[in-house]
Amino acid sequence: RFLDDGRIDLDNNAVERAIRPLALNRKNALFAGSDEGGDNWAVIATLIENCKLNGINPHTWLTATLTSLANGHPVSRVDELLPHAHVA
């Protein structure tokens, strides 16, 4: 479209800045150490991104979740600890 309309920029820095953390995360995941490490990295990254999408502070959520698990939260009710369950 930018070839037909000179008002349109060739690149879109806003979009590039928005996807930069995803690209860096993908690059860093290459150094996970093993397939299982990569799988674990993907799970944690997904949970953190879900926190961000739901407007939850990832550090606060992760601290509360790990504390709950350490205090014996039942495995059968682990869905209560997921980020989307904390959205009011």
N, C-alpha and C. Protein backbone atom coordinates (compact mmCIF):
# COMPACT_ATOMS: atom_id res chain seq x y z
N ARG A 1 0.81 -1.19 0.00
CA ARG A 1 0.00 0.00 0.00
C ARG A 1 0.85 1.25 0.00
N PHE A 2 2.03 1.22 0.60
CA PHE A 2 2.85 2.42 0.68
C PHE A 2 3.35 2.87 -0.68
N LEU A 3 3.37 1.96 -1.66
CA LEU A 3 3.79 2.35 -3.00
C LEU A 3 2.71 3.17 -3.70
N ASP A 4 1.46 2.90 -3.38
CA ASP A 4 0.35 3.62 -4.00
C ASP A 4 0.03 4.93 -3.29
N ASP A 5 0.34 5.02 -2.02
CA ASP A 5 -0.02 6.20 -1.24
C ASP A 5 1.21 6.67 -0.47
N GLY A 6 1.77 7.80 -0.86
CA GLY A 6 2.99 8.33 -0.26
C GLY A 6 2.84 8.74 1.18
N ARG A 7 1.63 8.84 1.69
CA ARG A 7 1.41 9.22 3.10
C ARG A 7 1.63 8.04 4.05
N ILE A 8 1.65 6.83 3.53
CA ILE A 8 1.81 5.65 4.36
C ILE A 8 3.29 5.35 4.53
N ASP A 9 3.72 5.16 5.77
CA ASP A 9 5.13 4.87 6.05
C ASP A 9 5.51 3.47 5.57
N LEU A 10 6.79 3.32 5.23
CA LEU A 10 7.31 2.04 4.78
C LEU A 10 7.30 1.02 5.92
N ASP A 11 7.61 1.48 7.12
CA ASP A 11 7.59 0.56 8.27
C ASP A 11 6.67 1.13 9.35
N ASN A 12 6.37 0.28 10.31
CA ASN A 12 5.49 0.66 11.38
C ASN A 12 6.21 0.39 12.70
N ASN A 13 6.89 1.38 13.22
CA ASN A 13 7.68 1.19 14.43
C ASN A 13 6.83 0.80 15.63
N ALA A 14 5.60 1.24 15.69
CA ALA A 14 4.74 0.88 16.83
C ALA A 14 4.53 -0.63 16.88
N VAL A 15 4.28 -1.23 15.74
CA VAL A 15 4.08 -2.68 15.70
C VAL A 15 5.40 -3.40 15.99
N GLU A 16 6.48 -2.91 15.42
CA GLU A 16 7.77 -3.54 15.66
C GLU A 16 8.16 -3.49 17.13
N ARG A 17 7.89 -2.37 17.80
CA ARG A 17 8.17 -2.28 19.23
C ARG A 17 7.28 -3.23 20.03
N ALA A 18 6.04 -3.40 19.59
CA ALA A 18 5.10 -4.26 20.30
C ALA A 18 5.51 -5.74 20.22
N ILE A 19 6.06 -6.16 19.10
CA ILE A 19 6.42 -7.58 18.96
C ILE A 19 7.86 -7.86 19.35
N ARG A 20 8.63 -6.84 19.67
CA ARG A 20 10.04 -7.04 20.04
C ARG A 20 10.20 -7.98 21.23
N PRO A 21 9.43 -7.82 22.32
CA PRO A 21 9.61 -8.76 23.45
C PRO A 21 9.35 -10.22 23.05
N LEU A 22 8.41 -10.45 22.15
CA LEU A 22 8.13 -11.81 21.71
C LEU A 22 9.31 -12.37 20.93
N ALA A 23 9.90 -11.55 20.08
CA ALA A 23 11.04 -12.00 19.29
C ALA A 23 12.25 -12.26 20.20
N LEU A 24 12.47 -11.40 21.19
CA LEU A 24 13.58 -11.62 22.12
C LEU A 24 13.36 -12.88 22.95
N ASN A 25 12.13 -13.10 23.39
CA ASN A 25 11.82 -14.29 24.16
C ASN A 25 12.08 -15.55 23.33
N ARG A 26 11.66 -15.51 22.07
CA ARG A 26 11.88 -16.66 21.18
C ARG A 26 13.38 -16.92 21.01
N LYS A 27 14.16 -15.84 20.86
CA LYS A 27 15.60 -15.99 20.69
C LYS A 27 16.24 -16.53 21.98
N ASN A 28 15.82 -16.02 23.13
CA ASN A 28 16.37 -16.49 24.40
C ASN A 28 16.00 -17.94 24.67
N ALA A 29 14.84 -18.37 24.21
CA ALA A 29 14.38 -19.74 24.44
C ALA A 29 15.27 -20.76 23.74
N LEU A 30 16.05 -20.32 22.77
CA LEU A 30 16.98 -21.23 22.09
C LEU A 30 18.02 -21.79 23.07
N PHE A 31 18.22 -21.08 24.18
CA PHE A 31 19.23 -21.48 25.15
C PHE A 31 18.60 -22.13 26.38
N ALA A 32 17.45 -22.77 26.21
CA ALA A 32 16.75 -23.41 27.32
C ALA A 32 17.48 -24.64 27.83
N GLY A 33 18.36 -25.22 27.05
CA GLY A 33 19.18 -26.34 27.50
C GLY A 33 18.71 -27.70 27.04
N SER A 34 17.42 -27.89 26.85
CA SER A 34 16.91 -29.19 26.42
C SER A 34 15.49 -29.00 25.91
N ASP A 35 14.94 -30.05 25.33
CA ASP A 35 13.55 -29.98 24.86
C ASP A 35 12.60 -29.72 26.03
N GLU A 36 12.84 -30.40 27.14
CA GLU A 36 11.99 -30.21 28.31
C GLU A 36 12.13 -28.79 28.86
N GLY A 37 13.35 -28.28 28.85
CA GLY A 37 13.57 -26.90 29.29
C GLY A 37 12.83 -25.92 28.39
N GLY A 38 12.83 -26.19 27.09
CA GLY A 38 12.10 -25.34 26.15
C GLY A 38 10.60 -25.40 26.39
N ASP A 39 10.10 -26.59 26.68
CA ASP A 39 8.67 -26.74 26.99
C ASP A 39 8.31 -25.96 28.25
N ASN A 40 9.14 -26.07 29.28
CA ASN A 40 8.89 -25.35 30.53
C ASN A 40 8.94 -23.84 30.30
N TRP A 41 9.89 -23.40 29.51
CA TRP A 41 10.03 -21.98 29.18
C TRP A 41 8.75 -21.49 28.50
N ALA A 42 8.24 -22.27 27.57
CA ALA A 42 7.04 -21.89 26.83
C ALA A 42 5.83 -21.78 27.76
N VAL A 43 5.72 -22.68 28.71
CA VAL A 43 4.59 -22.64 29.66
C VAL A 43 4.67 -21.37 30.50
N ILE A 44 5.84 -21.08 31.06
CA ILE A 44 6.01 -19.89 31.90
C ILE A 44 5.77 -18.62 31.09
N ALA A 45 6.33 -18.56 29.87
CA ALA A 45 6.15 -17.37 29.03
C ALA A 45 4.68 -17.17 28.69
N THR A 46 3.95 -18.24 28.44
CA THR A 46 2.53 -18.15 28.14
C THR A 46 1.75 -17.64 29.34
N LEU A 47 2.05 -18.15 30.52
CA LEU A 47 1.35 -17.69 31.72
C LEU A 47 1.63 -16.21 31.99
N ILE A 48 2.85 -15.79 31.80
CA ILE A 48 3.20 -14.38 32.03
C ILE A 48 2.50 -13.49 31.01
N GLU A 49 2.47 -13.88 29.75
CA GLU A 49 1.79 -13.09 28.74
C GLU A 49 0.28 -13.04 29.01
N ASN A 50 -0.29 -14.14 29.52
CA ASN A 50 -1.71 -14.13 29.88
C ASN A 50 -1.97 -13.15 31.02
N CYS A 51 -1.05 -13.06 31.97
CA CYS A 51 -1.18 -12.05 33.03
C CYS A 51 -1.24 -10.65 32.43
N LYS A 52 -0.31 -10.38 31.53
CA LYS A 52 -0.27 -9.05 30.91
C LYS A 52 -1.55 -8.76 30.14
N LEU A 53 -2.05 -9.75 29.40
CA LEU A 53 -3.28 -9.55 28.63
C LEU A 53 -4.49 -9.28 29.53
N ASN A 54 -4.47 -9.85 30.75
CA ASN A 54 -5.58 -9.68 31.68
C ASN A 54 -5.36 -8.53 32.65
N GLY A 55 -4.29 -7.75 32.47
CA GLY A 55 -4.02 -6.60 33.32
C GLY A 55 -3.56 -6.97 34.72
N ILE A 56 -2.90 -8.11 34.85
CA ILE A 56 -2.41 -8.59 36.14
C ILE A 56 -0.90 -8.43 36.18
N ASN A 57 -0.37 -7.98 37.31
CA ASN A 57 1.06 -7.88 37.47
C ASN A 57 1.63 -9.29 37.53
N PRO A 58 2.47 -9.70 36.56
CA PRO A 58 2.98 -11.07 36.53
C PRO A 58 3.76 -11.47 37.78
N HIS A 59 4.55 -10.55 38.34
CA HIS A 59 5.33 -10.86 39.52
C HIS A 59 4.42 -11.14 40.72
N THR A 60 3.42 -10.31 40.91
CA THR A 60 2.48 -10.50 42.00
C THR A 60 1.72 -11.81 41.85
N TRP A 61 1.24 -12.09 40.63
CA TRP A 61 0.51 -13.34 40.37
C TRP A 61 1.38 -14.56 40.62
N LEU A 62 2.62 -14.52 40.10
CA LEU A 62 3.50 -15.66 40.24
C LEU A 62 3.86 -15.90 41.70
N THR A 63 4.11 -14.83 42.45
CA THR A 63 4.40 -14.96 43.88
C THR A 63 3.22 -15.60 44.62
N ALA A 64 2.02 -15.10 44.37
CA ALA A 64 0.82 -15.65 45.03
C ALA A 64 0.58 -17.10 44.63
N THR A 65 0.77 -17.41 43.37
CA THR A 65 0.53 -18.77 42.88
C THR A 65 1.53 -19.76 43.47
N LEU A 66 2.81 -19.40 43.46
CA LEU A 66 3.82 -20.30 44.02
C LEU A 66 3.64 -20.47 45.53
N THR A 67 3.23 -19.41 46.21
CA THR A 67 2.95 -19.49 47.65
C THR A 67 1.78 -20.43 47.91
N SER A 68 0.73 -20.31 47.10
CA SER A 68 -0.43 -21.19 47.25
C SER A 68 -0.05 -22.65 47.03
N LEU A 69 0.73 -22.90 46.00
CA LEU A 69 1.17 -24.27 45.72
C LEU A 69 2.04 -24.82 46.85
N ALA A 70 2.93 -23.99 47.37
CA ALA A 70 3.80 -24.43 48.46
C ALA A 70 3.01 -24.70 49.73
N ASN A 71 1.90 -24.00 49.90
CA ASN A 71 1.06 -24.18 51.09
C ASN A 71 0.04 -25.30 50.93
N GLY A 72 0.13 -26.06 49.84
CA GLY A 72 -0.69 -27.25 49.68
C GLY A 72 -2.00 -27.06 48.93
N HIS A 73 -2.06 -26.09 48.02
CA HIS A 73 -3.26 -25.93 47.21
C HIS A 73 -3.54 -27.24 46.46
N PRO A 74 -4.78 -27.73 46.48
CA PRO A 74 -5.09 -29.02 45.83
C PRO A 74 -4.84 -28.99 44.32
N VAL A 75 -4.19 -30.02 43.83
CA VAL A 75 -3.91 -30.13 42.40
C VAL A 75 -5.20 -30.20 41.59
N SER A 76 -6.23 -30.76 42.18
CA SER A 76 -7.52 -30.88 41.47
C SER A 76 -8.17 -29.51 41.23
N ARG A 77 -7.69 -28.47 41.92
CA ARG A 77 -8.26 -27.12 41.76
C ARG A 77 -7.21 -26.13 41.23
N VAL A 78 -6.23 -26.63 40.48
CA VAL A 78 -5.16 -25.77 39.98
C VAL A 78 -5.69 -24.71 39.01
N ASP A 79 -6.83 -24.96 38.38
CA ASP A 79 -7.41 -23.98 37.45
C ASP A 79 -7.77 -22.68 38.17
N GLU A 80 -7.98 -22.72 39.47
CA GLU A 80 -8.28 -21.52 40.25
C GLU A 80 -7.08 -20.58 40.34
N LEU A 81 -5.91 -21.09 40.07
CA LEU A 81 -4.68 -20.28 40.18
C LEU A 81 -4.27 -19.64 38.86
N LEU A 82 -4.90 -20.01 37.77
CA LEU A 82 -4.51 -19.46 36.46
C LEU A 82 -4.84 -17.98 36.38
N PRO A 83 -4.08 -17.24 35.55
CA PRO A 83 -4.25 -15.78 35.49
C PRO A 83 -5.68 -15.33 35.18
N HIS A 84 -6.37 -15.99 34.28
CA HIS A 84 -7.70 -15.52 33.92
C HIS A 84 -8.70 -15.67 35.07
N ALA A 85 -8.40 -16.51 36.05
CA ALA A 85 -9.28 -16.69 37.20
C ALA A 85 -9.17 -15.51 38.17
N HIS A 86 -8.10 -14.71 38.05
CA HIS A 86 -7.89 -13.58 38.93
C HIS A 86 -8.51 -12.29 38.41
N VAL A 87 -9.04 -12.30 37.22
CA VAL A 87 -9.66 -11.11 36.64
C VAL A 87 -10.98 -10.85 37.34
N ALA A 88 -11.14 -9.64 37.82
CA ALA A 88 -12.38 -9.32 38.55
C ALA A 88 -13.52 -9.01 37.62
